[in-house]
Each structure stands twice: as C-alpha cells, then as structure tokens.
Protein backbone atom coordinates (compact mmCIF):
# COMPACT_ATOMS: atom_id res chain seq x y z
CA UNK A 1 175.87 58.70 153.77
CA UNK A 2 174.15 61.14 153.37
CA UNK A 3 169.30 60.53 152.85
CA UNK A 4 168.16 62.58 150.54
CA UNK A 5 164.67 64.36 150.46
CA UNK A 6 161.49 61.75 149.66
CA UNK A 7 159.07 61.93 147.08
CA UNK A 8 156.77 62.61 150.57
CA UNK A 9 159.30 64.93 151.21
CA UNK A 10 157.57 67.54 148.41
CA UNK A 11 154.18 67.53 150.00
CA UNK A 12 155.64 69.93 152.45
CA UNK A 13 156.79 72.71 149.77
CA UNK A 14 153.89 73.85 149.10
CA UNK A 15 153.70 75.38 152.51
CA UNK A 16 157.80 77.20 152.00
CA UNK A 17 157.17 81.89 151.51
CA UNK A 18 156.19 84.24 154.30
CA UNK A 19 153.14 84.35 155.00
CA UNK A 20 149.70 86.65 157.09
CA UNK A 21 148.14 84.27 160.03
CA UNK A 22 144.89 84.85 161.40
CA UNK A 23 144.39 82.14 163.99
CA UNK A 24 141.22 81.72 166.46
CA UNK A 25 141.38 79.19 169.42
CA UNK A 26 138.64 78.18 172.20
CA UNK A 27 139.53 75.66 174.35
CA UNK A 28 136.25 74.11 175.38
CA UNK A 29 132.03 75.57 174.90
CA UNK A 30 132.22 78.71 177.29
CA UNK A 31 135.14 78.90 177.13
CA UNK A 32 136.27 82.52 175.36
CA UNK A 33 137.23 82.86 172.39
CA UNK A 34 141.32 84.31 171.72
CA UNK A 35 142.24 85.97 167.78
CA UNK A 36 145.58 86.35 167.30
CA UNK A 37 147.24 87.59 163.98
CA UNK A 38 150.96 87.00 162.51
CA UNK A 39 153.26 86.44 160.02
CA UNK A 40 155.24 82.40 159.22
CA UNK A 41 157.89 81.98 157.42
CA UNK A 42 158.41 78.74 155.92
CA UNK A 43 162.16 77.65 154.54
CA UNK A 44 163.13 74.08 154.27
CA UNK A 45 166.56 72.25 154.72
CA UNK A 46 167.14 71.32 152.08
CA UNK A 47 163.80 69.27 150.33
CA UNK A 48 164.45 67.58 154.01
CA UNK A 49 163.16 69.53 157.51
CA UNK A 50 160.82 73.15 156.90
CA UNK A 51 160.74 75.28 160.25
CA UNK A 52 158.11 77.16 160.26
CA UNK A 53 158.53 80.43 162.11
CA UNK A 54 155.89 82.65 163.08
CA UNK A 55 155.72 85.54 165.69
CA UNK A 56 152.21 87.76 166.12
CA UNK A 57 150.47 88.93 169.18
CA UNK A 58 146.63 88.16 170.60
CA UNK A 59 145.13 91.04 172.13
CA UNK A 60 145.11 89.45 175.38
CA UNK A 61 147.80 87.25 175.89
CA UNK A 62 150.72 89.19 174.21
CA UNK A 63 153.25 88.78 171.55
CA UNK A 64 153.77 85.29 171.23
CA UNK A 65 156.50 83.35 169.10
CA UNK A 66 156.66 80.13 167.35
CA UNK A 67 158.19 77.62 165.87
CA UNK A 68 157.80 74.10 163.94
CA UNK A 69 159.78 71.37 162.06
CA UNK A 70 157.86 68.96 159.83
CA UNK A 71 159.97 66.93 157.22
CA UNK A 72 159.07 62.60 156.27
CA UNK A 73 160.62 59.27 158.24
CA UNK A 74 160.75 57.69 155.11
CA UNK A 75 161.87 54.70 158.09
CA UNK A 76 158.98 54.65 160.26
CA UNK A 77 156.83 55.44 156.42
CA UNK A 78 155.37 58.82 158.80
CA UNK A 79 155.34 62.33 158.55
CA UNK A 80 157.41 64.00 162.08
CA UNK A 81 158.29 66.11 163.50
CA UNK A 82 158.21 69.09 166.25
CA UNK A 83 156.43 72.57 166.84
CA UNK A 84 157.51 74.45 169.86
CA UNK A 85 155.75 78.37 171.03
CA UNK A 86 155.81 80.70 173.55
CA UNK A 87 153.26 80.04 174.63
CA UNK A 88 153.68 76.95 176.74
CA UNK A 89 156.43 74.79 178.04
CA UNK A 90 155.52 71.67 176.27
CA UNK A 91 157.49 70.02 173.48
CA UNK A 92 154.64 68.41 171.59
CA UNK A 93 155.91 65.97 169.42
CA UNK A 94 154.00 64.16 165.98
CA UNK A 95 154.15 61.01 165.30
CA UNK A 96 153.26 58.90 162.48
CA UNK A 97 151.53 61.73 160.19
CA UNK A 98 149.79 60.09 157.09
CA UNK A 99 148.15 62.96 154.34
CA UNK A 100 144.37 62.16 153.86
CA UNK A 101 142.28 63.07 151.21
CA UNK A 102 145.40 64.06 149.26
CA UNK A 103 145.20 67.76 150.46
CA UNK A 104 145.65 67.06 154.64
CA UNK A 105 149.07 65.87 156.32
CA UNK A 106 147.43 64.71 159.75
CA UNK A 107 150.15 64.95 162.57
CA UNK A 108 149.70 62.94 165.99
CA UNK A 109 150.95 64.34 168.85
CA UNK A 110 149.96 64.54 172.54
CA UNK A 111 150.47 67.17 175.29
CA UNK A 112 148.46 68.51 178.39
CA UNK A 113 144.63 67.84 178.99
CA UNK A 114 143.82 71.25 179.36
CA UNK A 115 140.19 69.84 179.87
CA UNK A 116 141.30 67.62 183.28
CA UNK A 117 144.83 65.61 184.56
CA UNK A 118 147.68 64.48 183.75
CA UNK A 119 148.14 63.85 179.01
CA UNK A 120 145.79 63.81 176.20
CA UNK A 121 145.96 62.74 172.26
CA UNK A 122 145.62 65.74 169.40
CA UNK A 123 145.30 66.51 166.45
CA UNK A 124 146.87 68.66 164.44
CA UNK A 125 146.30 68.51 161.10
CA UNK A 126 146.93 70.75 157.68
CA UNK A 127 144.62 71.83 154.55
CA UNK A 128 146.10 73.31 151.50
CA UNK A 129 143.30 74.96 150.22
CA UNK A 130 145.80 76.21 146.89
CA UNK A 131 148.64 77.28 146.19
CA UNK A 132 148.10 81.11 148.28
CA UNK A 133 145.97 79.62 151.37
CA UNK A 134 146.50 76.79 154.00
CA UNK A 135 145.07 75.78 157.39
CA UNK A 136 145.78 74.57 160.08
CA UNK A 137 143.53 73.12 162.63
CA UNK A 138 143.65 71.80 166.60
CA UNK A 139 141.95 68.90 167.48
CA UNK A 140 142.30 67.72 171.35
CA UNK A 141 140.59 63.85 172.52
CA UNK A 142 138.44 64.90 174.75
CA UNK A 143 136.99 63.15 178.04
CA UNK A 144 133.75 61.14 176.31
CA UNK A 145 136.39 60.30 173.85
CA UNK A 146 135.21 62.55 170.88
CA UNK A 147 137.50 65.17 168.90
CA UNK A 148 136.95 69.36 169.78
CA UNK A 149 138.20 71.95 167.47
CA UNK A 150 140.03 73.79 169.09
CA UNK A 151 142.54 76.18 167.48
CA UNK A 152 141.89 77.53 164.54
CA UNK A 153 144.99 78.88 161.91
CA UNK A 154 144.28 80.45 158.54
CA UNK A 155 148.11 81.45 156.01
CA UNK A 156 147.06 83.21 153.06
CA UNK A 157 150.29 83.65 150.18
CA UNK A 158 151.85 88.06 151.60
CA UNK A 159 152.08 88.82 147.76
C-alpha cells in the first residue's frame, strides 16, 4: 500500500541540511533590484518528499518566509511540488519537472503575470553546484515569448 521512494528521489538528497540564503530579485528592466538574506532548512519525509523551509529579511519589504515541497511522481514520470511565500497569495504548483544536464531540475509552473494581466508561465531551476552550494533561479515567460530571469538565490551550506 505504501509507495517507496524511487531512484529519482535521490537527486533531491543534496538539498538536505541547513543553508544560508542570498537572493536578488528584479522583476524587469528598469525595475528596482531587491536583495535579501535568510536561512533555509531542508528535511525529508522518509525520502519521498523534501520540504524546504526558508525565512529571512528584505530591507525594503521586511521579514519573509517560504515553504517549498519537492518530490517525484512515479506515475507521471516527473518531479512535482509546491511553493508558498508570506509575500504573496498565489500557491505555486510545480508540474512536469525534469532533470537537465544531470545538475539542473527544471520545474514548470504558472502564476500571476507581473508584467501584465492574467497568468503566465514560469520556470524555477534548481542547479546543484557542489555539496555545499546550489542555486535557485526563477524565470518568467514575457509577452514577447522569451524567458526572462527575475530571481537568483544562492544557497550555501551552514557549517
């Protein structure tokens, strides 16, 4: 009755632990650059789901917290998950996530179009740099059909 973690779940294991976070966000050309720092803890639910709980402070926006869940859906043959943050009301649902180049997990999602009306496509990309460093970048699909990077977050293992 209980499902077991698949080999694909092991790709998420390097995220386990406590991390210092440095992030930069710029929603578009000419928009202000926002920087923040914080901490993130990643724990596993029996190797099936990985929970990344983050918190920090952005000088202009104040304190923030986030919760990301990541896992692998064996029936759909893709990575999946969710993300919520105290700075927004949208629940981000990751669908059809795939591994690229062995070091990058590309998670597709949909959310509010910060450059216009309605909803648009986004990508969150987790890149494993080494055992003590990984990067999360977020990209938005512009009205011109091009991917624009809007967030870069570096995670460095706490010692």
